[in-house]
PDB file of N, CA and C in Angstrom:
ATOM      1  N   MET A   1     194.473 -69.554-291.208  1.00  0.00           N
ATOM      2  CA  MET A   1     193.849 -70.744-291.739  1.00  0.00           C
ATOM      3  C   MET A   1     194.842 -71.917-291.765  1.00  0.00           C
ATOM      4  N   MET A   2     196.092 -71.592-292.059  1.00  0.00           N
ATOM      5  CA  MET A   2     197.098 -72.660-292.130  1.00  0.00           C
ATOM      6  C   MET A   2     197.323 -73.295-290.754  1.00  0.00           C
ATOM      7  N   VAL A   3     197.296 -72.484-289.713  1.00  0.00           N
ATOM      8  CA  VAL A   3     197.497 -72.993-288.358  1.00  0.00           C
ATOM      9  C   VAL A   3     196.331 -73.909-287.973  1.00  0.00           C
ATOM     10  N   ILE A   4     195.121 -73.486-288.315  1.00  0.00           N
ATOM     11  CA  ILE A   4     193.941 -74.304-288.035  1.00  0.00           C
ATOM     12  C   ILE A   4     194.037 -75.624-288.796  1.00  0.00           C
ATOM     13  N   ASN A   5     194.427 -75.551-290.060  1.00  0.00           N
ATOM     14  CA  ASN A   5     194.582 -76.755-290.876  1.00  0.00           C
ATOM     15  C   ASN A   5     195.617 -77.701-290.264  1.00  0.00           C
ATOM     16  N   GLU A   6     196.736 -77.159-289.822  1.00  0.00           N
ATOM     17  CA  GLU A   6     197.778 -77.994-289.217  1.00  0.00           C
ATOM     18  C   GLU A   6     197.282 -78.652-287.928  1.00  0.00           C
ATOM     19  N   ALA A   7     196.557 -77.886-287.118  1.00  0.00           N
ATOM     20  CA  ALA A   7     196.050 -78.432-285.857  1.00  0.00           C
ATOM     21  C   ALA A   7     195.041 -79.547-286.128  1.00  0.00           C
ATOM     22  N   LEU A   8     194.169 -79.351-287.105  1.00  0.00           N
ATOM     23  CA  LEU A   8     193.197 -80.393-287.448  1.00  0.00           C
ATOM     24  C   LEU A   8     193.887 -81.633-288.009  1.00  0.00           C
ATOM     25  N   ASN A   9     194.862 -81.430-288.864  1.00  0.00           N
ATOM     26  CA  ASN A   9     195.609 -82.575-289.400  1.00  0.00           C
ATOM     27  C   ASN A   9     196.279 -83.352-288.278  1.00  0.00           C
ATOM     28  N   TYR A  10     196.882 -82.637-287.327  1.00  0.00           N
ATOM     29  CA  TYR A  10     197.529 -83.273-286.188  1.00  0.00           C
ATOM     30  C   TYR A  10     196.506 -84.058-285.370  1.00  0.00           C
ATOM     31  N   TYR A  11     195.343 -83.430-285.120  1.00  0.00           N
ATOM     32  CA  TYR A  11     194.270 -84.061-284.350  1.00  0.00           C
ATOM     33  C   TYR A  11     193.835 -85.370-285.013  1.00  0.00           C
ATOM     34  N   PHE A  12     193.586 -85.333-286.328  1.00  0.00           N
ATOM     35  CA  PHE A  12     193.131 -86.536-287.030  1.00  0.00           C
ATOM     36  C   PHE A  12     194.237 -87.585-287.150  1.00  0.00           C
ATOM     37  N   SER A  13     195.473 -87.165-287.261  1.00  0.00           N
ATOM     38  CA  SER A  13     196.576 -88.124-287.380  1.00  0.00           C
ATOM     39  C   SER A  13     196.827 -88.878-286.078  1.00  0.00           C
ATOM     40  N   CYS A  14     196.343 -88.352-284.968  1.00  0.00           N
ATOM     41  CA  CYS A  14     196.539 -89.008-283.669  1.00  0.00           C
ATOM     42  C   CYS A  14     195.468 -90.059-283.380  1.00  0.00           C
ATOM     43  N   ASN A  15     194.546 -90.249-284.311  1.00  0.00           N
ATOM     44  CA  ASN A  15     193.542 -91.324-284.207  1.00  0.00           C
ATOM     45  C   ASN A  15     192.764 -91.329-282.887  1.00  0.00           C
ATOM     46  N   GLY A  16     192.414 -90.179-282.404  1.00  0.00           N
ATOM     47  CA  GLY A  16     191.605 -90.095-281.191  1.00  0.00           C
ATOM     48  C   GLY A  16     192.381 -90.146-279.893  1.00  0.00           C
ATOM     49  N   ASP A  17     193.699 -90.157-279.968  1.00  0.00           N
ATOM     50  CA  ASP A  17     194.508 -90.209-278.749  1.00  0.00           C
ATOM     51  C   ASP A  17     194.641 -88.859-278.050  1.00  0.00           C
ATOM     52  N   ILE A  18     194.264 -87.790-278.733  1.00  0.00           N
ATOM     53  CA  ILE A  18     194.321 -86.449-278.130  1.00  0.00           C
ATOM     54  C   ILE A  18     192.972 -85.765-278.317  1.00  0.00           C
ATOM     55  N   SER A  19     192.738 -84.758-277.523  1.00  0.00           N
ATOM     56  CA  SER A  19     191.503 -83.982-277.634  1.00  0.00           C
ATOM     57  C   SER A  19     191.755 -82.763-278.526  1.00  0.00           C
ATOM     58  N   LEU A  20     190.681 -82.110-278.915  1.00  0.00           N
ATOM     59  CA  LEU A  20     190.830 -80.864-279.673  1.00  0.00           C
ATOM     60  C   LEU A  20     191.554 -79.812-278.841  1.00  0.00           C
ATOM     61  N   ASP A  21     191.317 -79.823-277.532  1.00  0.00           N
ATOM     62  CA  ASP A  21     192.027 -78.894-276.643  1.00  0.00           C
ATOM     63  C   ASP A  21     193.530 -79.064-276.797  1.00  0.00           C
ATOM     64  N   GLU A  22     193.972 -80.327-276.815  1.00  0.00           N
ATOM     65  CA  GLU A  22     195.400 -80.590-276.913  1.00  0.00           C
ATOM     66  C   GLU A  22     195.931 -80.240-278.299  1.00  0.00           C
ATOM     67  N   ALA A  23     195.161 -80.543-279.347  1.00  0.00           N
ATOM     68  CA  ALA A  23     195.604 -80.251-280.715  1.00  0.00           C
ATOM     69  C   ALA A  23     195.732 -78.754-280.952  1.00  0.00           C
ATOM     70  N   PHE A  24     194.768 -77.976-280.465  1.00  0.00           N
ATOM     71  CA  PHE A  24     194.768 -76.538-280.729  1.00  0.00           C
ATOM     72  C   PHE A  24     195.511 -75.725-279.682  1.00  0.00           C
ATOM     73  N   LEU A  25     195.410 -76.154-278.428  1.00  0.00           N
ATOM     74  CA  LEU A  25     195.955 -75.340-277.344  1.00  0.00           C
ATOM     75  C   LEU A  25     197.157 -75.964-276.648  1.00  0.00           C
ATOM     76  N   GLY A  26     197.432 -77.213-276.959  1.00  0.00           N
ATOM     77  CA  GLY A  26     198.569 -77.883-276.339  1.00  0.00           C
ATOM     78  C   GLY A  26     198.315 -78.350-274.922  1.00  0.00           C
ATOM     79  N   GLU A  27     197.028 -78.351-274.496  1.00  0.00           N
ATOM     80  CA  GLU A  27     196.687 -78.782-273.140  1.00  0.00           C
ATOM     81  C   GLU A  27     195.799 -80.006-273.209  1.00  0.00           C
ATOM     82  N   LYS A  28     196.090 -80.964-272.327  1.00  0.00           N
ATOM     83  CA  LYS A  28     195.227 -82.144-272.259  1.00  0.00           C
ATOM     84  C   LYS A  28     193.836 -81.722-271.800  1.00  0.00           C
ATOM     85  N   HIS A  29     192.855 -82.419-272.320  1.00  0.00           N
ATOM     86  CA  HIS A  29     191.459 -82.128-271.988  1.00  0.00           C
ATOM     87  C   HIS A  29     191.138 -82.595-270.570  1.00  0.00           C
ATOM     88  N   LYS A  30     190.623 -81.670-269.787  1.00  0.00           N
ATOM     89  CA  LYS A  30     190.129 -81.984-268.453  1.00  0.00           C
ATOM     90  C   LYS A  30     188.692 -81.499-268.432  1.00  0.00           C
ATOM     91  N   LYS A  31     187.761 -82.425-268.415  1.00  0.00           N
ATOM     92  CA  LYS A  31     186.352 -82.076-268.583  1.00  0.00           C
ATOM     93  C   LYS A  31     185.897 -80.957-267.655  1.00  0.00           C
ATOM     94  N   THR A  32     186.138 -81.096-266.390  1.00  0.00           N
ATOM     95  CA  THR A  32     185.581 -80.135-265.434  1.00  0.00           C
ATOM     96  C   THR A  32     186.278 -78.786-265.437  1.00  0.00           C
ATOM     97  N   THR A  33     187.420 -78.687-266.086  1.00  0.00           N
ATOM     98  CA  THR A  33     188.101 -77.395-266.144  1.00  0.00           C
ATOM     99  C   THR A  33     188.052 -76.775-267.542  1.00  0.00           C
ATOM    100  N   SER A  34     187.420 -77.482-268.490  1.00  0.00           N
ATOM    101  CA  SER A  34     187.360 -76.934-269.844  1.00  0.00           C
ATOM    102  C   SER A  34     186.358 -75.786-269.902  1.00  0.00           C
ATOM    103  N   LEU A  35     186.615 -74.851-270.781  1.00  0.00           N
ATOM    104  CA  LEU A  35     185.732 -73.702-270.953  1.00  0.00           C
ATOM    105  C   LEU A  35     184.333 -74.144-271.372  1.00  0.00           C
ATOM    106  N   ALA A  36     184.251 -75.113-272.270  1.00  0.00           N
ATOM    107  CA  ALA A  36     182.949 -75.593-272.741  1.00  0.00           C
ATOM    108  C   ALA A  36     182.123 -76.160-271.591  1.00  0.00           C
ATOM    109  N   TYR A  37     182.762 -76.918-270.711  1.00  0.00           N
ATOM    110  CA  TYR A  37     182.057 -77.505-269.571  1.00  0.00           C
ATOM    111  C   TYR A  37     181.533 -76.408-268.639  1.00  0.00           C
ATOM    112  N   LYS A  38     182.386 -75.437-268.344  1.00  0.00           N
ATOM    113  CA  LYS A  38     181.979 -74.351-267.446  1.00  0.00           C
ATOM    114  C   LYS A  38     180.829 -73.548-268.029  1.00  0.00           C
ATOM    115  N   LYS A  39     180.911 -73.240-269.330  1.00  0.00           N
ATOM    116  CA  LYS A  39     179.847 -72.464-269.983  1.00  0.00           C
ATOM    117  C   LYS A  39     178.549 -73.252-269.992  1.00  0.00           C
ATOM    118  N   HIS A  40     178.649 -74.550-270.269  1.00  0.00           N
ATOM    119  CA  HIS A  40     177.472 -75.404-270.307  1.00  0.00           C
ATOM    120  C   HIS A  40     176.817 -75.471-268.929  1.00  0.00           C
ATOM    121  N   LYS A  41     177.636 -75.655-267.911  1.00  0.00           N
ATOM    122  CA  LYS A  41     177.131 -75.719-266.540  1.00  0.00           C
ATOM    123  C   LYS A  41     176.464 -74.399-266.171  1.00  0.00           C
ATOM    124  N   MET A  42     177.126 -73.305-266.524  1.00  0.00           N
ATOM    125  CA  MET A  42     176.583 -71.989-266.210  1.00  0.00           C
ATOM    126  C   MET A  42     175.262 -71.751-266.909  1.00  0.00           C
ATOM    127  N   PHE A  43     175.156 -72.168-268.173  1.00  0.00           N
ATOM    128  CA  PHE A  43     173.959 -71.880-268.958  1.00  0.00           C
ATOM    129  C   PHE A  43     172.712 -72.488-268.349  1.00  0.00           C
ATOM    130  N   LYS A  44     172.767 -73.758-267.969  1.00  0.00           N
ATOM    131  CA  LYS A  44     171.543 -74.385-267.475  1.00  0.00           C
ATOM    132  C   LYS A  44     171.054 -73.714-266.184  1.00  0.00           C
ATOM    133  N   TYR A  45     171.991 -73.305-265.329  1.00  0.00           N
ATOM    134  CA  TYR A  45     171.583 -72.635-264.091  1.00  0.00           C
ATOM    135  C   TYR A  45     171.138 -71.199-264.367  1.00  0.00           C
ATOM    136  N   GLN A  46     171.786 -70.516-265.306  1.00  0.00           N
ATOM    137  CA  GLN A  46     171.340 -69.172-265.687  1.00  0.00           C
ATOM    138  C   GLN A  46     169.932 -69.233-266.280  1.00  0.00           C
ATOM    139  N   TYR A  47     169.709 -70.222-267.130  1.00  0.00           N
ATOM    140  CA  TYR A  47     168.392 -70.400-267.744  1.00  0.00           C
ATOM    141  C   TYR A  47     167.344 -70.617-266.655  1.00  0.00           C
ATOM    142  N   PHE A  48     167.639 -71.495-265.703  1.00  0.00           N
ATOM    143  CA  PHE A  48     166.697 -71.778-264.627  1.00  0.00           C
ATOM    144  C   PHE A  48     166.446 -70.530-263.778  1.00  0.00           C
ATOM    145  N   ALA A  49     167.485 -69.775-263.479  1.00  0.00           N
ATOM    146  CA  ALA A  49     167.323 -68.552-262.682  1.00  0.00           C
ATOM    147  C   ALA A  49     166.434 -67.552-263.411  1.00  0.00           C
ATOM    148  N   SER A  50     166.620 -67.408-264.717  1.00  0.00           N
ATOM    149  CA  SER A  50     165.787 -66.502-265.514  1.00  0.00           C
ATOM    150  C   SER A  50     164.345 -66.984-265.546  1.00  0.00           C
ATOM    151  N   LEU A  51     164.174 -68.284-265.741  1.00  0.00           N
ATOM    152  CA  LEU A  51     162.840 -68.871-265.760  1.00  0.00           C
ATOM    153  C   LEU A  51     162.143 -68.652-264.421  1.00  0.00           C
ATOM    154  N   ALA A  52     162.872 -68.825-263.327  1.00  0.00           N
ATOM    155  CA  ALA A  52     162.300 -68.636-261.991  1.00  0.00           C
ATOM    156  C   ALA A  52     161.837 -67.193-261.802  1.00  0.00           C
ATOM    157  N   ARG A  53     162.670 -66.240-262.226  1.00  0.00           N
ATOM    158  CA  ARG A  53     162.265 -64.825-262.115  1.00  0.00           C
ATOM    159  C   ARG A  53     160.999 -64.545-262.911  1.00  0.00           C
ATOM    160  N   MET A  54     160.957 -65.056-264.148  1.00  0.00           N
ATOM    161  CA  MET A  54     159.786 -64.815-265.008  1.00  0.00           C
ATOM    162  C   MET A  54     158.527 -65.460-264.434  1.00  0.00           C
ATOM    163  N   GLU A  55     158.651 -66.703-263.981  1.00  0.00           N
ATOM    164  CA  GLU A  55     157.487 -67.411-263.432  1.00  0.00           C
ATOM    165  C   GLU A  55     156.974 -66.737-262.160  1.00  0.00           C
ATOM    166  N   ARG A  56     157.880 -66.288-261.314  1.00  0.00           N
ATOM    167  CA  ARG A  56     157.465 -65.602-260.092  1.00  0.00           C
ATOM    168  C   ARG A  56     156.760 -64.299-260.413  1.00  0.00           C
ATOM    169  N   ARG A  57     157.295 -63.560-261.388  1.00  0.00           N
ATOM    170  CA  ARG A  57     156.663 -62.311-261.809  1.00  0.00           C
ATOM    171  C   ARG A  57     155.291 -62.563-262.409  1.00  0.00           C
ATOM    172  N   LYS A  58     155.228 -63.565-263.282  1.00  0.00           N
ATOM    173  CA  LYS A  58     153.982 -63.888-263.979  1.00  0.00           C
ATOM    174  C   LYS A  58     152.896 -64.316-262.996  1.00  0.00           C
ATOM    175  N   SER A  59     153.267 -65.124-262.006  1.00  0.00           N
ATOM    176  CA  SER A  59     152.286 -65.628-261.047  1.00  0.00           C
ATOM    177  C   SER A  59     151.958 -64.606-259.963  1.00  0.00           C
ATOM    178  N   GLY A  60     152.813 -63.579-259.835  1.00  0.00           N
ATOM    179  CA  GLY A  60     152.621 -62.597-258.774  1.00  0.00           C
ATOM    180  C   GLY A  60     153.010 -63.138-257.410  1.00  0.00           C
ATOM    181  N   ASN A  61     153.673 -64.274-257.393  1.00  0.00           N
ATOM    182  CA  ASN A  61     154.076 -64.908-256.141  1.00  0.00           C
ATOM    183  C   ASN A  61     155.598 -64.980-256.089  1.00  0.00           C
ATOM    184  N   GLU A  62     156.208 -63.991-255.446  1.00  0.00           N
ATOM    185  CA  GLU A  62     157.669 -63.941-255.348  1.00  0.00           C
ATOM    186  C   GLU A  62     158.230 -65.038-254.446  1.00  0.00           C
ATOM    187  N   LYS A  63     157.379 -65.706-253.683  1.00  0.00           N
ATOM    188  CA  LYS A  63     157.841 -66.741-252.773  1.00  0.00           C
ATOM    189  C   LYS A  63     157.649 -68.150-253.349  1.00  0.00           C
ATOM    190  N   LEU A  64     157.263 -68.244-254.614  1.00  0.00           N
ATOM    191  CA  LEU A  64     157.111 -69.543-255.270  1.00  0.00           C
ATOM    192  C   LEU A  64     158.433 -70.303-255.163  1.00  0.00           C
ATOM    193  N   SER A  65     158.380 -71.534-254.663  1.00  0.00           N
ATOM    194  CA  SER A  65     159.627 -72.258-254.383  1.00  0.00           C
ATOM    195  C   SER A  65     160.333 -72.683-255.666  1.00  0.00           C
ATOM    196  N   LEU A  66     161.650 -72.707-255.581  1.00  0.00           N
ATOM    197  CA  LEU A  66     162.453 -73.136-256.723  1.00  0.00           C
ATOM    198  C   LEU A  66     162.192 -74.605-257.043  1.00  0.00           C
ATOM    199  N   GLU A  67     161.945 -75.398-256.030  1.00  0.00           N
ATOM    200  CA  GLU A  67     161.650 -76.810-256.248  1.00  0.00           C
ATOM    201  C   GLU A  67     160.371 -76.963-257.064  1.00  0.00           C
ATOM    202  N   ASP A  68     159.337 -76.171-256.726  1.00  0.00           N
ATOM    203  CA  ASP A  68     158.083 -76.219-257.489  1.00  0.00           C
ATOM    204  C   ASP A  68     158.302 -75.769-258.932  1.00  0.00           C
ATOM    205  N   LEU A  69     159.149 -74.761-259.106  1.00  0.00           N
ATOM    206  CA  LEU A  69     159.441 -74.280-260.457  1.00  0.00           C
ATOM    207  C   LEU A  69     160.182 -75.337-261.269  1.00  0.00           C
ATOM    208  N   MET A  70     161.105 -76.038-260.645  1.00  0.00           N
ATOM    209  CA  MET A  70     161.834 -77.098-261.343  1.00  0.00           C
ATOM    210  C   MET A  70     160.892 -78.234-261.698  1.00  0.00           C
ATOM    211  N   PHE A  71     159.990 -78.579-260.783  1.00  0.00           N
ATOM    212  CA  PHE A  71     159.007 -79.626-261.060  1.00  0.00           C
ATOM    213  C   PHE A  71     158.154 -79.232-262.266  1.00  0.00           C
ATOM    214  N   LYS A  72     157.737 -77.978-262.299  1.00  0.00           N
ATOM    215  CA  LYS A  72     156.931 -77.482-263.420  1.00  0.00           C
ATOM    216  C   LYS A  72     157.719 -77.562-264.731  1.00  0.00           C
ATOM    217  N   LEU A  73     158.985 -77.185-264.691  1.00  0.00           N
ATOM    218  CA  LEU A  73     159.837 -77.240-265.878  1.00  0.00           C
ATOM    219  C   LEU A  73     159.930 -78.681-266.393  1.00  0.00           C
ATOM    220  N   ILE A  74     160.140 -79.621-265.496  1.00  0.00           N
ATOM    221  CA  ILE A  74     160.241 -81.030-265.882  1.00  0.00           C
ATOM    222  C   ILE A  74     158.924 -81.520-266.483  1.00  0.00           C
ATOM    223  N   GLN A  75     157.823 -81.150-265.859  1.00  0.00           N
ATOM    224  CA  GLN A  75     156.513 -81.616-266.320  1.00  0.00           C
ATOM    225  C   GLN A  75     156.103 -81.024-267.664  1.00  0.00           C
ATOM    226  N   GLU A  76     156.462 -79.765-267.910  1.00  0.00           N
ATOM    227  CA  GLU A  76     155.956 -79.051-269.085  1.00  0.00           C
ATOM    228  C   GLU A  76     156.920 -78.999-270.265  1.00  0.00           C
ATOM    229  N   THR A  77     158.125 -79.527-270.105  1.00  0.00           N
ATOM    230  CA  THR A  77     159.119 -79.407-271.164  1.00  0.00           C
ATOM    231  C   THR A  77     159.449 -80.783-271.737  1.00  0.00           C
ATOM    232  N   ASP A  78     159.506 -80.856-273.049  1.00  0.00           N
ATOM    233  CA  ASP A  78     159.862 -82.081-273.741  1.00  0.00           C
ATOM    234  C   ASP A  78     161.257 -82.536-273.293  1.00  0.00           C
ATOM    235  N   PRO A  79     161.444 -83.832-273.016  1.00  0.00           N
ATOM    236  CA  PRO A  79     162.761 -84.314-272.564  1.00  0.00           C
ATOM    237  C   PRO A  79     163.900 -83.981-273.535  1.00  0.00           C
ATOM    238  N   ASN A  80     163.632 -83.999-274.833  1.00  0.00           N
ATOM    239  CA  ASN A  80     164.686 -83.653-275.798  1.00  0.00           C
ATOM    240  C   ASN A  80     165.063 -82.175-275.683  1.00  0.00           C
ATOM    241  N   ALA A  81     164.065 -81.322-275.453  1.00  0.00           N
ATOM    242  CA  ALA A  81     164.341 -79.895-275.263  1.00  0.00           C
ATOM    243  C   ALA A  81     165.130 -79.689-273.971  1.00  0.00           C
ATOM    244  N   MET A  82     164.771 -80.437-272.926  1.00  0.00           N
ATOM    245  CA  MET A  82     165.498 -80.340-271.654  1.00  0.00           C
ATOM    246  C   MET A  82     166.973 -80.681-271.875  1.00  0.00           C
ATOM    247  N   LYS A  83     167.197 -81.757-272.610  1.00  0.00           N
ATOM    248  CA  LYS A  83     168.564 -82.212-272.857  1.00  0.00           C
ATOM    249  C   LYS A  83     169.342 -81.164-273.640  1.00  0.00           C
ATOM    250  N   SER A  84     168.719 -80.555-274.638  1.00  0.00           N
ATOM    251  CA  SER A  84     169.418 -79.546-275.439  1.00  0.00           C
ATOM    252  C   SER A  84     169.726 -78.289-274.629  1.00  0.00           C
ATOM    253  N   LEU A  85     168.974 -78.053-273.567  1.00  0.00           N
ATOM    254  CA  LEU A  85     169.229 -76.918-272.680  1.00  0.00           C
ATOM    255  C   LEU A  85     170.265 -77.253-271.608  1.00  0.00           C
ATOM    256  N   GLY A  86     170.719 -78.497-271.591  1.00  0.00           N
ATOM    257  CA  GLY A  86     171.751 -78.882-270.624  1.00  0.00           C
ATOM    258  C   GLY A  86     171.217 -79.590-269.395  1.00  0.00           C
ATOM    259  N   PHE A  87     169.923 -79.832-269.358  1.00  0.00           N
ATOM    260  CA  PHE A  87     169.315 -80.502-268.217  1.00  0.00           C
ATOM    261  C   PHE A  87     169.259 -82.000-268.468  1.00  0.00           C
ATOM    262  N   ASP A  88     169.527 -82.774-267.441  1.00  0.00           N
ATOM    263  CA  ASP A  88     169.313 -84.210-267.519  1.00  0.00           C
ATOM    264  C   ASP A  88     167.832 -84.414-267.223  1.00  0.00           C
ATOM    265  N   PRO A  89     167.046 -84.898-268.207  1.00  0.00           N
ATOM    266  CA  PRO A  89     165.597 -85.043-267.981  1.00  0.00           C
ATOM    267  C   PRO A  89     165.254 -85.998-266.836  1.00  0.00           C
ATOM    268  N   ASP A  90     166.189 -86.887-266.472  1.00  0.00           N
ATOM    269  CA  ASP A  90     165.923 -87.862-265.412  1.00  0.00           C
ATOM    270  C   ASP A  90     166.468 -87.439-264.049  1.00  0.00           C
ATOM    271  N   ILE A  91     167.041 -86.259-263.960  1.00  0.00           N
ATOM    272  CA  ILE A  91     167.634 -85.808-262.698  1.00  0.00           C
ATOM    273  C   ILE A  91     166.530 -85.590-261.661  1.00  0.00           C
ATOM    274  N   ASP A  92     166.849 -85.919-260.431  1.00  0.00           N
ATOM    275  CA  ASP A  92     165.837 -85.629-259.424  1.00  0.00           C
ATOM    276  C   ASP A  92     166.000 -84.187-258.965  1.00  0.00           C
ATOM    277  N   ILE A  93     164.929 -83.628-258.512  1.00  0.00           N
ATOM    278  CA  ILE A  93     164.873 -82.196-258.204  1.00  0.00           C
ATOM    279  C   ILE A  93     165.860 -81.818-257.103  1.00  0.00           C
ATOM    280  N   GLU A  94     165.992 -82.657-256.082  1.00  0.00           N
ATOM    281  CA  GLU A  94     166.916 -82.343-254.986  1.00  0.00           C
ATOM    282  C   GLU A  94     168.359 -82.247-255.488  1.00  0.00           C
ATOM    283  N   THR A  95     168.739 -83.151-256.381  1.00  0.00           N
ATOM    284  CA  THR A  95     170.099 -83.137-256.936  1.00  0.00           C
ATOM    285  C   THR A  95     170.323 -81.861-257.736  1.00  0.00           C
ATOM    286  N   PHE A  96     169.347 -81.501-258.574  1.00  0.00           N
ATOM    287  CA  PHE A  96     169.467 -80.274-259.358  1.00  0.00           C
ATOM    288  C   PHE A  96     169.578 -79.065-258.439  1.00  0.00           C
ATOM    289  N   MET A  97     168.739 -79.007-257.411  1.00  0.00           N
ATOM    290  CA  MET A  97     168.731 -77.849-256.519  1.00  0.00           C
ATOM    291  C   MET A  97     170.053 -77.731-255.754  1.00  0.00           C
ATOM    292  N   ARG A  98     170.675 -78.854-255.369  1.00  0.00           N
ATOM    293  CA  ARG A  98     171.990 -78.796-254.726  1.00  0.00           C
ATOM    294  C   ARG A  98     173.001 -78.167-255.674  1.00  0.00           C
ATOM    295  N   GLY A  99     172.985 -78.591-256.944  1.00  0.00           N
ATOM    296  CA  GLY A  99     173.890 -78.018-257.940  1.00  0.00           C
ATOM    297  C   GLY A  99     173.602 -76.548-258.174  1.00  0.00           C
ATOM    298  N   TYR A 100     172.336 -76.188-258.212  1.00  0.00           N
ATOM    299  CA  TYR A 100     171.936 -74.790-258.430  1.00  0.00           C
ATOM    300  C   TYR A 100     172.417 -73.906-257.276  1.00  0.00           C
ATOM    301  N   ARG A 101     172.208 -74.365-256.065  1.00  0.00           N
ATOM    302  CA  ARG A 101     172.650 -73.581-254.899  1.00  0.00           C
ATOM    303  C   ARG A 101     174.175 -73.447-254.862  1.00  0.00           C
ATOM    304  N   ARG A 102     174.873 -74.525-255.220  1.00  0.00           N
ATOM    305  CA  ARG A 102     176.339 -74.481-255.297  1.00  0.00           C
ATOM    306  C   ARG A 102     176.764 -73.460-256.351  1.00  0.00           C
ATOM    307  N   TRP A 103     176.095 -73.479-257.510  1.00  0.00           N
ATOM    308  CA  TRP A 103     176.402 -72.528-258.584  1.00  0.00           C
ATOM    309  C   TRP A 103     176.164 -71.095-258.118  1.00  0.00           C
ATOM    310  N   LYS A 104     175.050 -70.852-257.429  1.00  0.00           N
ATOM    311  CA  LYS A 104     174.755 -69.505-256.921  1.00  0.00           C
ATOM    312  C   LYS A 104     175.845 -69.038-255.957  1.00  0.00           C
ATOM    313  N   LYS A 105     176.304 -69.939-255.093  1.00  0.00           N
ATOM    314  CA  LYS A 105     177.362 -69.574-254.158  1.00  0.00           C
ATOM    315  C   LYS A 105     178.660 -69.291-254.905  1.00  0.00           C
ATOM    316  N   GLU A 106     179.015 -70.157-255.854  1.00  0.00           N
ATOM    317  CA  GLU A 106     180.233 -69.950-256.647  1.00  0.00           C
ATOM    318  C   GLU A 106     180.145 -68.656-257.455  1.00  0.00           C
ATOM    319  N   LEU A 107     178.973 -68.348-257.941  1.00  0.00           N
ATOM    320  CA  LEU A 107     178.757 -67.118-258.692  1.00  0.00           C
ATOM    321  C   LEU A 107     179.014 -65.913-257.796  1.00  0.00           C
ATOM    322  N   GLY A 108     178.491 -65.973-256.574  1.00  0.00           N
ATOM    323  CA  GLY A 108     178.719 -64.906-255.603  1.00  0.00           C
ATOM    324  C   GLY A 108     180.179 -64.790-255.188  1.00  0.00           C
ATOM    325  N   ASP A 109     180.885 -65.913-255.201  1.00  0.00           N
ATOM    326  CA  ASP A 109     182.308 -65.923-254.840  1.00  0.00           C
ATOM    327  C   ASP A 109     183.196 -65.469-255.998  1.00  0.00           C
ATOM    328  N   GLY A 110     182.605 -65.235-257.169  1.00  0.00           N
ATOM    329  CA  GLY A 110     183.373 -64.759-258.320  1.00  0.00           C
ATOM    330  C   GLY A 110     184.081 -65.848-259.107  1.00  0.00           C
ATOM    331  N   LYS A 111     183.662 -67.096-258.931  1.00  0.00           N
ATOM    332  CA  LYS A 111     184.354 -68.194-259.603  1.00  0.00           C
ATOM    333  C   LYS A 111     184.227 -68.136-261.127  1.00  0.00           C
ATOM    334  N   TYR A 112     183.145 -67.588-261.635  1.00  0.00           N
ATOM    335  CA  TYR A 112     182.901 -67.606-263.080  1.00  0.00           C
ATOM    336  C   TYR A 112     183.285 -66.310-263.774  1.00  0.00           C
ATOM    337  N   GLU A 113     184.048 -65.483-263.132  1.00  0.00           N
ATOM    338  CA  GLU A 113     184.437 -64.221-263.755  1.00  0.00           C
ATOM    339  C   GLU A 113     185.730 -64.347-264.501  1.00  0.00           C
TER     340      GLU A 113
END
């Protein structure tokens, strides 16, 4: 508890000049390499992959396109709920699908292990 207290005191005494990563771990914050960023990125694509499996099973159509599923998700989900799940409610489907395919490839390459 004392170490946590010291790190928080240090963080607040720096008046926003350092990140929590730097205060607790001694490393400058790099958004795209932070654990939180990676987990967040992974979650939205994992959620979409799970949703796609469920929707395909439910409809009995294993060939239902991912683009159609994403369109359905956008149409049927409240924008605030989308945002809390990590989705940009204003993202276009092609952009999301490029990111999803990249994530699937990186997942297969073992990047997230």
